[in-house]
Amino acid sequence: MAANTDAGKTVDEAATAMGDAAVGVTDQIAALKKQVEELYADRQKYLSQAMDTAEGYAARAGDAAQVQYEAVADRVRERPAQSVLIAAAAGYILARILGR
């Protein structure tokens, strides 16, 4: 009978150990899930910041291009003959470089 009691205790101990291991694994999975969710939230935050920064750079570049365009347009209005000669010279040089 002692063998049956010892075997029963061993089975109970094994079942308890497996239950404890299952709880430990479940806790680890929950912790990993939480970490993944935090990383995802961080990624979203950083992506949003990167997009805002890129939009800011694009807006500044657009503003700078508009300012330069207006400066060139003013210069052409002030000196139209000189502008035509410069454009013709630039066209001639490009045509020679490109071989056409």
N, C-alpha and C. Protein backbone atom coordinates (compact mmCIF):
# COMPACT_ATOMS: atom_id res chain seq x y z
N MET A 1 0.80 -1.18 0.00
CA MET A 1 0.00 0.00 0.00
C MET A 1 0.86 1.26 0.00
N ALA A 2 2.01 1.17 0.59
CA ALA A 2 2.90 2.32 0.65
C ALA A 2 3.32 2.75 -0.74
N ALA A 3 3.46 1.79 -1.64
CA ALA A 3 3.85 2.11 -3.01
C ALA A 3 2.76 2.93 -3.68
N ASN A 4 1.48 2.53 -3.43
CA ASN A 4 0.36 3.29 -4.01
C ASN A 4 0.34 4.71 -3.47
N THR A 5 0.60 4.88 -2.22
CA THR A 5 0.59 6.21 -1.60
C THR A 5 1.74 7.04 -2.14
N ASP A 6 2.91 6.43 -2.27
CA ASP A 6 4.05 7.15 -2.82
C ASP A 6 3.80 7.53 -4.28
N ALA A 7 3.22 6.63 -5.05
CA ALA A 7 2.92 6.91 -6.45
C ALA A 7 1.89 8.03 -6.55
N GLY A 8 0.92 8.00 -5.70
CA GLY A 8 -0.11 9.04 -5.69
C GLY A 8 0.48 10.39 -5.35
N LYS A 9 1.39 10.40 -4.37
CA LYS A 9 2.05 11.65 -4.01
C LYS A 9 2.89 12.18 -5.17
N THR A 10 3.58 11.26 -5.83
CA THR A 10 4.42 11.65 -6.96
C THR A 10 3.56 12.23 -8.09
N VAL A 11 2.43 11.58 -8.35
CA VAL A 11 1.52 12.08 -9.40
C VAL A 11 0.98 13.45 -9.00
N ASP A 12 0.60 13.59 -7.73
CA ASP A 12 0.08 14.88 -7.26
C ASP A 12 1.16 15.97 -7.36
N GLU A 13 2.38 15.62 -6.98
CA GLU A 13 3.47 16.58 -7.06
C GLU A 13 3.76 16.97 -8.52
N ALA A 14 3.70 15.99 -9.41
CA ALA A 14 3.93 16.26 -10.83
C ALA A 14 2.82 17.15 -11.38
N ALA A 15 1.58 16.87 -10.97
CA ALA A 15 0.46 17.68 -11.43
C ALA A 15 0.58 19.11 -10.92
N THR A 16 0.98 19.25 -9.68
CA THR A 16 1.16 20.58 -9.10
C THR A 16 2.29 21.32 -9.82
N ALA A 17 3.39 20.62 -10.09
CA ALA A 17 4.50 21.23 -10.80
C ALA A 17 4.09 21.67 -12.20
N MET A 18 3.32 20.83 -12.88
CA MET A 18 2.86 21.19 -14.23
C MET A 18 1.90 22.37 -14.16
N GLY A 19 1.05 22.39 -13.15
CA GLY A 19 0.13 23.53 -12.99
C GLY A 19 0.90 24.81 -12.74
N ASP A 20 1.92 24.73 -11.88
CA ASP A 20 2.76 25.90 -11.60
C ASP A 20 3.49 26.35 -12.87
N ALA A 21 3.99 25.40 -13.63
CA ALA A 21 4.69 25.73 -14.87
C ALA A 21 3.74 26.40 -15.86
N ALA A 22 2.51 25.88 -15.93
CA ALA A 22 1.52 26.46 -16.84
C ALA A 22 1.20 27.90 -16.43
N VAL A 23 1.07 28.13 -15.13
CA VAL A 23 0.81 29.49 -14.64
C VAL A 23 2.00 30.39 -14.98
N GLY A 24 3.21 29.87 -14.79
CA GLY A 24 4.41 30.65 -15.11
C GLY A 24 4.47 31.00 -16.58
N VAL A 25 4.15 30.04 -17.43
CA VAL A 25 4.16 30.28 -18.87
C VAL A 25 3.08 31.29 -19.24
N THR A 26 1.92 31.16 -18.64
CA THR A 26 0.83 32.10 -18.91
C THR A 26 1.23 33.52 -18.50
N ASP A 27 1.88 33.63 -17.34
CA ASP A 27 2.36 34.94 -16.89
C ASP A 27 3.40 35.51 -17.85
N GLN A 28 4.31 34.66 -18.32
CA GLN A 28 5.33 35.12 -19.26
C GLN A 28 4.70 35.56 -20.58
N ILE A 29 3.72 34.83 -21.05
CA ILE A 29 3.03 35.20 -22.29
C ILE A 29 2.32 36.53 -22.11
N ALA A 30 1.69 36.73 -20.96
CA ALA A 30 1.01 38.01 -20.69
C ALA A 30 2.02 39.16 -20.65
N ALA A 31 3.17 38.92 -20.04
CA ALA A 31 4.21 39.95 -19.97
C ALA A 31 4.74 40.27 -21.36
N LEU A 32 4.96 39.24 -22.18
CA LEU A 32 5.43 39.46 -23.54
C LEU A 32 4.39 40.21 -24.38
N LYS A 33 3.13 39.86 -24.19
CA LYS A 33 2.06 40.55 -24.91
C LYS A 33 2.06 42.03 -24.55
N LYS A 34 2.23 42.32 -23.27
CA LYS A 34 2.27 43.70 -22.82
C LYS A 34 3.46 44.44 -23.44
N GLN A 35 4.62 43.78 -23.49
CA GLN A 35 5.81 44.40 -24.09
C GLN A 35 5.59 44.69 -25.58
N VAL A 36 4.98 43.75 -26.27
CA VAL A 36 4.71 43.94 -27.70
C VAL A 36 3.76 45.12 -27.90
N GLU A 37 2.73 45.22 -27.06
CA GLU A 37 1.79 46.33 -27.18
C GLU A 37 2.49 47.67 -26.91
N GLU A 38 3.39 47.70 -25.92
CA GLU A 38 4.13 48.92 -25.63
C GLU A 38 5.05 49.29 -26.79
N LEU A 39 5.71 48.30 -27.38
CA LEU A 39 6.58 48.56 -28.52
C LEU A 39 5.78 49.08 -29.71
N TYR A 40 4.61 48.51 -29.91
CA TYR A 40 3.75 48.96 -31.00
C TYR A 40 3.32 50.41 -30.77
N ALA A 41 2.96 50.74 -29.54
CA ALA A 41 2.56 52.12 -29.23
C ALA A 41 3.74 53.08 -29.44
N ASP A 42 4.93 52.66 -29.02
CA ASP A 42 6.12 53.49 -29.24
C ASP A 42 6.38 53.69 -30.72
N ARG A 43 6.23 52.62 -31.50
CA ARG A 43 6.45 52.71 -32.94
C ARG A 43 5.48 53.70 -33.56
N GLN A 44 4.22 53.64 -33.13
CA GLN A 44 3.22 54.56 -33.66
C GLN A 44 3.59 56.00 -33.31
N LYS A 45 4.07 56.21 -32.08
CA LYS A 45 4.45 57.56 -31.65
C LYS A 45 5.61 58.07 -32.49
N TYR A 46 6.63 57.23 -32.69
CA TYR A 46 7.80 57.66 -33.45
C TYR A 46 7.46 57.88 -34.93
N LEU A 47 6.60 57.04 -35.48
CA LEU A 47 6.17 57.24 -36.86
C LEU A 47 5.42 58.56 -37.01
N SER A 48 4.58 58.86 -36.05
CA SER A 48 3.84 60.11 -36.09
C SER A 48 4.78 61.30 -36.01
N GLN A 49 5.78 61.21 -35.13
CA GLN A 49 6.76 62.29 -35.02
C GLN A 49 7.55 62.44 -36.32
N ALA A 50 7.94 61.33 -36.92
CA ALA A 50 8.70 61.37 -38.17
C ALA A 50 7.85 62.00 -39.29
N MET A 51 6.58 61.64 -39.34
CA MET A 51 5.71 62.21 -40.37
C MET A 51 5.54 63.72 -40.15
N ASP A 52 5.37 64.14 -38.91
CA ASP A 52 5.24 65.57 -38.63
C ASP A 52 6.51 66.32 -39.04
N THR A 53 7.66 65.74 -38.73
CA THR A 53 8.93 66.37 -39.10
C THR A 53 9.07 66.46 -40.62
N ALA A 54 8.75 65.37 -41.32
CA ALA A 54 8.84 65.37 -42.78
C ALA A 54 7.89 66.40 -43.39
N GLU A 55 6.68 66.49 -42.85
CA GLU A 55 5.73 67.48 -43.35
C GLU A 55 6.26 68.90 -43.12
N GLY A 56 6.90 69.12 -41.99
CA GLY A 56 7.50 70.43 -41.71
C GLY A 56 8.59 70.77 -42.71
N TYR A 57 9.46 69.78 -42.99
CA TYR A 57 10.53 70.01 -43.97
C TYR A 57 9.94 70.28 -45.35
N ALA A 58 8.92 69.53 -45.72
CA ALA A 58 8.30 69.72 -47.04
C ALA A 58 7.67 71.10 -47.14
N ALA A 59 7.03 71.54 -46.08
CA ALA A 59 6.41 72.87 -46.09
C ALA A 59 7.47 73.96 -46.21
N ARG A 60 8.56 73.79 -45.47
CA ARG A 60 9.64 74.79 -45.56
C ARG A 60 10.28 74.79 -46.94
N ALA A 61 10.46 73.62 -47.52
CA ALA A 61 11.05 73.54 -48.86
C ALA A 61 10.12 74.19 -49.88
N GLY A 62 8.82 73.96 -49.74
CA GLY A 62 7.86 74.59 -50.63
C GLY A 62 7.88 76.11 -50.50
N ASP A 63 7.96 76.57 -49.27
CA ASP A 63 8.03 78.02 -49.05
C ASP A 63 9.30 78.62 -49.66
N ALA A 64 10.42 77.93 -49.47
CA ALA A 64 11.69 78.42 -50.03
C ALA A 64 11.64 78.43 -51.55
N ALA A 65 11.04 77.40 -52.15
CA ALA A 65 10.93 77.36 -53.61
C ALA A 65 10.04 78.49 -54.11
N GLN A 66 8.97 78.76 -53.38
CA GLN A 66 8.08 79.86 -53.78
C GLN A 66 8.80 81.20 -53.72
N VAL A 67 9.58 81.41 -52.67
CA VAL A 67 10.35 82.65 -52.53
C VAL A 67 11.34 82.79 -53.69
N GLN A 68 12.04 81.71 -54.01
CA GLN A 68 13.01 81.76 -55.11
C GLN A 68 12.32 82.00 -56.44
N TYR A 69 11.17 81.37 -56.64
CA TYR A 69 10.41 81.57 -57.88
C TYR A 69 10.02 83.04 -58.03
N GLU A 70 9.52 83.62 -56.94
CA GLU A 70 9.12 85.02 -56.99
C GLU A 70 10.31 85.93 -57.25
N ALA A 71 11.48 85.60 -56.67
CA ALA A 71 12.68 86.41 -56.89
C ALA A 71 13.10 86.35 -58.36
N VAL A 72 13.05 85.16 -58.95
CA VAL A 72 13.42 85.02 -60.37
C VAL A 72 12.40 85.75 -61.24
N ALA A 73 11.13 85.60 -60.91
CA ALA A 73 10.09 86.28 -61.70
C ALA A 73 10.28 87.80 -61.64
N ASP A 74 10.59 88.32 -60.47
CA ASP A 74 10.84 89.76 -60.35
C ASP A 74 12.05 90.18 -61.19
N ARG A 75 13.08 89.36 -61.14
CA ARG A 75 14.31 89.67 -61.90
C ARG A 75 14.02 89.67 -63.41
N VAL A 76 13.22 88.73 -63.86
CA VAL A 76 12.87 88.66 -65.28
C VAL A 76 12.04 89.88 -65.68
N ARG A 77 11.12 90.31 -64.82
CA ARG A 77 10.32 91.50 -65.11
C ARG A 77 11.19 92.76 -65.17
N GLU A 78 12.21 92.81 -64.31
CA GLU A 78 13.09 93.98 -64.28
C GLU A 78 13.98 94.05 -65.52
N ARG A 79 14.48 92.89 -65.96
CA ARG A 79 15.43 92.86 -67.09
C ARG A 79 15.05 91.74 -68.06
N PRO A 80 14.00 91.97 -68.84
CA PRO A 80 13.54 90.90 -69.74
C PRO A 80 14.55 90.54 -70.83
N ALA A 81 15.22 91.51 -71.40
CA ALA A 81 16.17 91.22 -72.49
C ALA A 81 17.34 90.38 -71.96
N GLN A 82 17.86 90.77 -70.84
CA GLN A 82 18.97 90.01 -70.24
C GLN A 82 18.52 88.59 -69.91
N SER A 83 17.30 88.44 -69.42
CA SER A 83 16.78 87.12 -69.08
C SER A 83 16.66 86.23 -70.30
N VAL A 84 16.19 86.80 -71.40
CA VAL A 84 16.07 86.02 -72.64
C VAL A 84 17.45 85.59 -73.12
N LEU A 85 18.42 86.48 -73.08
CA LEU A 85 19.78 86.13 -73.51
C LEU A 85 20.38 85.03 -72.61
N ILE A 86 20.17 85.14 -71.32
CA ILE A 86 20.69 84.11 -70.40
C ILE A 86 20.02 82.77 -70.68
N ALA A 87 18.70 82.78 -70.89
CA ALA A 87 17.98 81.53 -71.18
C ALA A 87 18.47 80.92 -72.49
N ALA A 88 18.70 81.76 -73.52
CA ALA A 88 19.19 81.25 -74.81
C ALA A 88 20.58 80.66 -74.65
N ALA A 89 21.44 81.34 -73.90
CA ALA A 89 22.80 80.83 -73.69
C ALA A 89 22.76 79.50 -72.93
N ALA A 90 21.93 79.42 -71.92
CA ALA A 90 21.83 78.17 -71.16
C ALA A 90 21.31 77.04 -72.04
N GLY A 91 20.33 77.34 -72.88
CA GLY A 91 19.80 76.33 -73.81
C GLY A 91 20.86 75.87 -74.80
N TYR A 92 21.63 76.79 -75.33
CA TYR A 92 22.70 76.45 -76.27
C TYR A 92 23.74 75.55 -75.61
N ILE A 93 24.15 75.92 -74.39
CA ILE A 93 25.15 75.12 -73.68
C ILE A 93 24.63 73.72 -73.39
N LEU A 94 23.40 73.62 -72.94
CA LEU A 94 22.84 72.29 -72.66
C LEU A 94 22.74 71.46 -73.93
N ALA A 95 22.34 72.09 -75.03
CA ALA A 95 22.25 71.36 -76.30
C ALA A 95 23.62 70.84 -76.72
N ARG A 96 24.65 71.64 -76.54
CA ARG A 96 26.00 71.20 -76.89
C ARG A 96 26.47 70.06 -76.00
N ILE A 97 26.15 70.17 -74.71
CA ILE A 97 26.57 69.12 -73.76
C ILE A 97 25.85 67.80 -74.07
N LEU A 98 24.56 67.89 -74.36
CA LEU A 98 23.77 66.69 -74.63
C LEU A 98 23.95 66.18 -76.04
N GLY A 99 24.60 66.95 -76.89
CA GLY A 99 24.91 66.49 -78.25
C GLY A 99 23.75 66.56 -79.20
N ARG A 100 22.88 67.48 -79.03
CA ARG A 100 21.73 67.59 -79.92
C ARG A 100 21.83 68.80 -80.76
